């Protein structure tokens, strides 16, 4: 269950921050930790449903945001395709998208960015 959970990277990949959250009520927790998230070199955002969260985070930070659509969802999520398309259409600058459920690819890319 990803609902309302914000997690800090354990440092294994460097200065990163992961955001795992679902409904919009969790945005309050996100906003409360904005400064902590802004301190990261790169942010990985995992989201399902309409995939809007990476755009929100992208508007809050001036660092790269890696968006990971999940196949988990209900309604018209179409196994992650809805979130993927929403993320690909993000207007926020600095948001890049990996494939559905590709947390490994997001972590690998974050590691590469941290090495720059």
N, C-alpha and C. Protein backbone atom coordinates (compact mmCIF):
# COMPACT_ATOMS: atom_id res chain seq x y z
N UNK A 1 0.84 -1.18 0.00
CA UNK A 1 0.00 0.00 0.00
C UNK A 1 0.88 1.24 0.00
N UNK A 2 0.77 2.07 -1.02
CA UNK A 2 1.60 3.26 -1.15
C UNK A 2 0.95 4.50 -0.56
N UNK A 3 -0.23 4.37 -0.01
CA UNK A 3 -1.00 5.53 0.42
C UNK A 3 -0.29 6.34 1.50
N UNK A 4 0.01 7.57 1.19
CA UNK A 4 0.49 8.52 2.17
C UNK A 4 1.85 8.22 2.76
N UNK A 5 2.70 7.51 2.08
CA UNK A 5 4.00 7.16 2.63
C UNK A 5 5.09 7.96 1.94
N UNK A 6 5.88 8.69 2.71
CA UNK A 6 7.03 9.42 2.19
C UNK A 6 8.27 8.77 2.76
N UNK A 7 9.23 8.42 1.92
CA UNK A 7 10.41 7.72 2.41
C UNK A 7 11.67 8.43 1.96
N UNK A 8 12.65 8.47 2.85
CA UNK A 8 13.95 9.04 2.53
C UNK A 8 14.87 7.91 2.11
N UNK A 9 15.61 8.11 1.02
CA UNK A 9 16.58 7.13 0.54
C UNK A 9 17.60 6.81 1.64
N UNK A 10 18.05 5.58 1.70
CA UNK A 10 18.99 5.18 2.76
C UNK A 10 20.41 5.63 2.50
N UNK A 11 20.65 6.32 1.40
CA UNK A 11 21.98 6.84 1.10
C UNK A 11 22.81 5.91 0.23
N UNK A 12 22.33 4.72 -0.05
CA UNK A 12 23.11 3.76 -0.84
C UNK A 12 23.40 4.29 -2.24
N UNK A 13 22.50 5.10 -2.76
CA UNK A 13 22.69 5.65 -4.10
C UNK A 13 23.14 7.10 -4.07
N UNK A 14 23.46 7.61 -2.90
CA UNK A 14 23.90 9.00 -2.80
C UNK A 14 22.80 9.88 -2.25
N UNK A 15 22.81 11.12 -2.67
CA UNK A 15 21.84 12.09 -2.16
C UNK A 15 20.57 12.04 -2.99
N UNK A 16 19.69 11.16 -2.63
CA UNK A 16 18.43 11.02 -3.35
C UNK A 16 17.26 11.10 -2.39
N UNK A 17 16.09 11.26 -2.95
CA UNK A 17 14.88 11.31 -2.14
C UNK A 17 13.80 10.60 -2.91
N UNK A 18 13.12 9.70 -2.27
CA UNK A 18 12.03 8.97 -2.92
C UNK A 18 10.70 9.41 -2.36
N UNK A 19 9.73 9.61 -3.20
CA UNK A 19 8.40 9.96 -2.75
C UNK A 19 7.45 8.88 -3.23
N UNK A 20 6.79 8.23 -2.29
CA UNK A 20 5.77 7.24 -2.63
C UNK A 20 4.50 7.69 -1.95
N UNK A 21 3.50 8.03 -2.72
CA UNK A 21 2.26 8.52 -2.13
C UNK A 21 1.12 8.28 -3.10
N UNK A 22 -0.09 8.37 -2.61
CA UNK A 22 -1.25 8.14 -3.47
C UNK A 22 -2.19 9.33 -3.42
N UNK A 23 -3.32 9.26 -2.73
CA UNK A 23 -4.33 10.32 -2.85
C UNK A 23 -3.82 11.71 -2.46
N UNK A 24 -4.55 12.71 -2.88
CA UNK A 24 -4.12 14.09 -2.71
C UNK A 24 -3.98 14.51 -1.26
N UNK A 25 -4.63 13.82 -0.30
CA UNK A 25 -4.46 14.20 1.11
C UNK A 25 -3.01 14.02 1.55
N UNK A 26 -2.28 13.19 0.87
CA UNK A 26 -0.87 12.99 1.20
C UNK A 26 -0.01 14.17 0.77
N UNK A 27 -0.55 15.04 -0.07
CA UNK A 27 0.21 16.22 -0.50
C UNK A 27 0.55 17.11 0.69
N UNK A 28 -0.25 17.06 1.73
CA UNK A 28 0.05 17.84 2.93
C UNK A 28 1.37 17.38 3.52
N UNK A 29 1.57 16.06 3.59
CA UNK A 29 2.84 15.53 4.08
C UNK A 29 3.99 15.89 3.18
N UNK A 30 3.73 15.90 1.88
CA UNK A 30 4.75 16.29 0.91
C UNK A 30 5.17 17.74 1.12
N UNK A 31 4.21 18.62 1.26
CA UNK A 31 4.51 20.04 1.45
C UNK A 31 5.23 20.29 2.77
N UNK A 32 4.93 19.51 3.78
CA UNK A 32 5.60 19.67 5.06
C UNK A 32 7.07 19.30 4.99
N UNK A 33 7.45 18.52 3.99
CA UNK A 33 8.85 18.07 3.87
C UNK A 33 9.53 18.63 2.63
N UNK A 34 9.02 19.73 2.10
CA UNK A 34 9.55 20.30 0.86
C UNK A 34 11.02 20.65 0.97
N UNK A 35 11.45 21.25 2.05
CA UNK A 35 12.86 21.64 2.20
C UNK A 35 13.76 20.41 2.21
N UNK A 36 13.32 19.37 2.86
CA UNK A 36 14.09 18.11 2.90
C UNK A 36 14.22 17.53 1.50
N UNK A 37 13.14 17.57 0.74
CA UNK A 37 13.16 17.05 -0.62
C UNK A 37 14.05 17.92 -1.51
N UNK A 38 13.98 19.23 -1.35
CA UNK A 38 14.80 20.15 -2.15
C UNK A 38 16.29 19.97 -1.91
N UNK A 39 16.69 19.39 -0.78
CA UNK A 39 18.10 19.18 -0.47
C UNK A 39 18.71 18.03 -1.28
N UNK A 40 17.87 17.21 -1.89
CA UNK A 40 18.36 16.07 -2.67
C UNK A 40 18.91 16.52 -4.02
N UNK A 41 19.81 15.74 -4.59
CA UNK A 41 20.31 16.01 -5.94
C UNK A 41 19.32 15.56 -7.01
N UNK A 42 18.54 14.53 -6.69
CA UNK A 42 17.57 13.97 -7.63
C UNK A 42 16.42 13.38 -6.81
N UNK A 43 15.22 13.43 -7.38
CA UNK A 43 14.03 12.93 -6.68
C UNK A 43 13.37 11.87 -7.55
N UNK A 44 13.05 10.74 -6.94
CA UNK A 44 12.29 9.69 -7.63
C UNK A 44 10.87 9.72 -7.08
N UNK A 45 9.90 9.84 -7.97
CA UNK A 45 8.49 9.89 -7.58
C UNK A 45 7.77 8.70 -8.18
N UNK A 46 7.18 7.88 -7.32
CA UNK A 46 6.41 6.72 -7.75
C UNK A 46 4.94 7.05 -7.57
N UNK A 47 4.16 6.93 -8.64
CA UNK A 47 2.74 7.28 -8.55
C UNK A 47 1.92 6.44 -9.51
N UNK A 48 0.69 6.23 -9.13
CA UNK A 48 -0.26 5.51 -9.98
C UNK A 48 -1.40 6.43 -10.35
N UNK A 49 -2.56 5.85 -10.56
CA UNK A 49 -3.77 6.58 -10.92
C UNK A 49 -3.53 7.49 -12.12
N UNK A 50 -3.67 8.80 -11.96
CA UNK A 50 -3.50 9.69 -13.11
C UNK A 50 -2.06 10.15 -13.28
N UNK A 51 -1.17 9.81 -12.34
CA UNK A 51 0.25 10.13 -12.47
C UNK A 51 0.57 11.60 -12.32
N UNK A 52 -0.19 12.33 -11.52
CA UNK A 52 0.00 13.77 -11.38
C UNK A 52 1.11 14.16 -10.41
N UNK A 53 1.44 13.29 -9.48
CA UNK A 53 2.38 13.66 -8.42
C UNK A 53 3.75 14.12 -8.93
N UNK A 54 4.35 13.51 -9.94
CA UNK A 54 5.65 14.01 -10.43
C UNK A 54 5.58 15.47 -10.89
N UNK A 55 4.48 15.89 -11.47
CA UNK A 55 4.33 17.29 -11.88
C UNK A 55 4.29 18.20 -10.67
N UNK A 56 3.63 17.76 -9.61
CA UNK A 56 3.57 18.56 -8.38
C UNK A 56 4.97 18.71 -7.80
N UNK A 57 5.69 17.59 -7.69
CA UNK A 57 7.05 17.63 -7.14
C UNK A 57 7.95 18.45 -8.05
N UNK A 58 7.82 18.28 -9.35
CA UNK A 58 8.62 19.03 -10.31
C UNK A 58 8.43 20.53 -10.18
N UNK A 59 7.24 20.96 -9.76
CA UNK A 59 6.99 22.37 -9.55
C UNK A 59 7.56 22.89 -8.24
N UNK A 60 7.91 21.98 -7.34
CA UNK A 60 8.43 22.37 -6.02
C UNK A 60 9.95 22.38 -5.94
N UNK A 61 10.61 21.65 -6.82
CA UNK A 61 12.06 21.51 -6.73
C UNK A 61 12.73 21.98 -8.01
N UNK A 62 14.02 22.30 -7.91
CA UNK A 62 14.81 22.69 -9.09
C UNK A 62 15.85 21.62 -9.39
N UNK A 63 15.52 20.38 -9.09
CA UNK A 63 16.40 19.22 -9.32
C UNK A 63 15.70 18.26 -10.27
N UNK A 64 16.45 17.32 -10.86
CA UNK A 64 15.81 16.33 -11.72
C UNK A 64 14.80 15.49 -10.95
N UNK A 65 13.67 15.22 -11.58
CA UNK A 65 12.63 14.37 -11.02
C UNK A 65 12.46 13.18 -11.96
N UNK A 66 12.60 11.98 -11.42
CA UNK A 66 12.40 10.77 -12.20
C UNK A 66 11.05 10.20 -11.80
N UNK A 67 10.14 10.11 -12.75
CA UNK A 67 8.78 9.65 -12.50
C UNK A 67 8.66 8.16 -12.84
N UNK A 68 8.08 7.41 -11.92
CA UNK A 68 7.86 5.97 -12.11
C UNK A 68 6.36 5.70 -12.01
N UNK A 69 5.70 5.41 -13.13
CA UNK A 69 4.28 5.03 -13.06
C UNK A 69 4.15 3.60 -12.54
N UNK A 70 3.13 3.38 -11.72
CA UNK A 70 2.90 2.04 -11.19
C UNK A 70 1.70 1.40 -11.87
N UNK A 71 1.71 0.09 -11.91
CA UNK A 71 0.60 -0.65 -12.48
C UNK A 71 -0.54 -0.81 -11.48
N UNK A 72 -0.31 -0.38 -10.25
CA UNK A 72 -1.32 -0.50 -9.20
C UNK A 72 -2.29 0.66 -9.31
N UNK A 73 -3.55 0.38 -9.25
CA UNK A 73 -4.56 1.42 -9.31
C UNK A 73 -5.93 0.81 -9.49
N UNK A 74 -6.92 1.64 -9.52
CA UNK A 74 -8.29 1.17 -9.72
C UNK A 74 -8.95 2.08 -10.75
N UNK A 75 -10.13 1.74 -11.14
CA UNK A 75 -10.82 2.53 -12.15
C UNK A 75 -10.17 2.35 -13.50
N UNK A 76 -9.90 3.44 -14.17
CA UNK A 76 -9.36 3.41 -15.53
C UNK A 76 -7.84 3.57 -15.53
N UNK A 77 -7.15 2.82 -14.67
CA UNK A 77 -5.68 2.95 -14.61
C UNK A 77 -5.00 2.14 -15.72
N UNK A 78 -5.69 1.16 -16.27
CA UNK A 78 -5.18 0.35 -17.38
C UNK A 78 -3.76 -0.17 -17.13
N UNK A 79 -3.57 -0.72 -15.93
CA UNK A 79 -2.29 -1.34 -15.54
C UNK A 79 -1.11 -0.38 -15.65
N UNK A 80 -1.35 0.89 -15.39
CA UNK A 80 -0.27 1.88 -15.37
C UNK A 80 -0.18 2.77 -16.60
N UNK A 81 -0.92 2.44 -17.64
CA UNK A 81 -0.83 3.23 -18.87
C UNK A 81 -1.35 4.65 -18.65
N UNK A 82 -2.41 4.79 -17.87
CA UNK A 82 -2.96 6.12 -17.59
C UNK A 82 -1.92 6.98 -16.88
N UNK A 83 -1.26 6.43 -15.85
CA UNK A 83 -0.22 7.18 -15.12
C UNK A 83 0.95 7.50 -16.04
N UNK A 84 1.36 6.54 -16.87
CA UNK A 84 2.47 6.75 -17.80
C UNK A 84 2.17 7.91 -18.74
N UNK A 85 1.00 7.92 -19.34
CA UNK A 85 0.65 8.99 -20.28
C UNK A 85 0.54 10.33 -19.57
N UNK A 86 0.00 10.33 -18.36
CA UNK A 86 -0.07 11.58 -17.59
C UNK A 86 1.30 12.14 -17.29
N UNK A 87 2.24 11.26 -16.93
CA UNK A 87 3.60 11.69 -16.62
C UNK A 87 4.32 12.18 -17.87
N UNK A 88 4.12 11.51 -18.98
CA UNK A 88 4.76 11.93 -20.23
C UNK A 88 4.28 13.31 -20.68
N UNK A 89 3.08 13.69 -20.27
CA UNK A 89 2.51 14.98 -20.64
C UNK A 89 2.72 16.05 -19.59
N UNK A 90 3.60 15.80 -18.64
CA UNK A 90 3.86 16.77 -17.58
C UNK A 90 4.39 18.08 -18.15
N UNK A 91 3.90 19.18 -17.62
CA UNK A 91 4.40 20.50 -18.02
C UNK A 91 5.54 20.98 -17.14
N UNK A 92 5.81 20.25 -16.06
CA UNK A 92 6.88 20.66 -15.14
C UNK A 92 8.24 20.39 -15.78
N UNK A 93 9.14 21.35 -15.69
CA UNK A 93 10.48 21.19 -16.24
C UNK A 93 11.29 20.23 -15.39
N UNK A 94 12.13 19.44 -16.03
CA UNK A 94 13.03 18.56 -15.31
C UNK A 94 12.45 17.22 -14.92
N UNK A 95 11.26 16.87 -15.41
CA UNK A 95 10.64 15.59 -15.11
C UNK A 95 10.92 14.62 -16.25
N UNK A 96 11.54 13.49 -15.92
CA UNK A 96 11.76 12.42 -16.89
C UNK A 96 10.99 11.20 -16.42
N UNK A 97 10.60 10.35 -17.35
CA UNK A 97 9.74 9.22 -17.03
C UNK A 97 10.40 7.91 -17.46
N UNK A 98 10.37 6.93 -16.57
CA UNK A 98 10.79 5.58 -16.93
C UNK A 98 9.53 4.74 -17.15
N UNK A 99 9.69 3.51 -17.55
CA UNK A 99 8.54 2.67 -17.87
C UNK A 99 7.77 2.25 -16.63
N UNK A 100 6.61 1.70 -16.84
CA UNK A 100 5.73 1.25 -15.76
C UNK A 100 6.45 0.25 -14.87
N UNK A 101 6.40 0.49 -13.57
CA UNK A 101 6.99 -0.36 -12.53
C UNK A 101 8.51 -0.51 -12.64
N UNK A 102 9.18 0.41 -13.31
CA UNK A 102 10.63 0.31 -13.50
C UNK A 102 11.38 1.08 -12.42
N UNK A 103 11.19 0.68 -11.19
CA UNK A 103 11.91 1.30 -10.09
C UNK A 103 13.41 1.09 -10.19
N UNK A 104 13.82 -0.06 -10.71
CA UNK A 104 15.25 -0.32 -10.88
C UNK A 104 15.86 0.70 -11.83
N UNK A 105 15.21 0.93 -12.97
CA UNK A 105 15.71 1.90 -13.94
C UNK A 105 15.78 3.30 -13.36
N UNK A 106 14.78 3.67 -12.56
CA UNK A 106 14.79 4.99 -11.92
C UNK A 106 15.95 5.10 -10.93
N UNK A 107 16.17 4.06 -10.14
CA UNK A 107 17.27 4.07 -9.19
C UNK A 107 18.62 4.12 -9.87
N UNK A 108 18.76 3.39 -10.98
CA UNK A 108 20.01 3.38 -11.73
C UNK A 108 20.30 4.77 -12.31
N UNK A 109 19.26 5.38 -12.88
CA UNK A 109 19.42 6.72 -13.44
C UNK A 109 19.76 7.74 -12.35
N UNK A 110 19.10 7.63 -11.20
CA UNK A 110 19.40 8.53 -10.08
C UNK A 110 20.84 8.38 -9.64
N UNK A 111 21.33 7.15 -9.62
CA UNK A 111 22.72 6.89 -9.26
C UNK A 111 23.67 7.56 -10.26
N UNK A 112 23.34 7.49 -11.53
CA UNK A 112 24.17 8.13 -12.56
C UNK A 112 24.16 9.66 -12.38
N UNK A 113 23.00 10.23 -12.09
CA UNK A 113 22.90 11.68 -11.89
C UNK A 113 23.72 12.07 -10.66
N UNK A 114 23.64 11.29 -9.60
CA UNK A 114 24.40 11.60 -8.38
C UNK A 114 25.90 11.56 -8.64
N UNK A 115 26.33 10.80 -9.64
CA UNK A 115 27.75 10.68 -9.95
C UNK A 115 28.30 11.83 -10.78
N UNK A 116 27.43 12.70 -11.27
CA UNK A 116 27.89 13.82 -12.11
C UNK A 116 28.60 14.87 -11.30
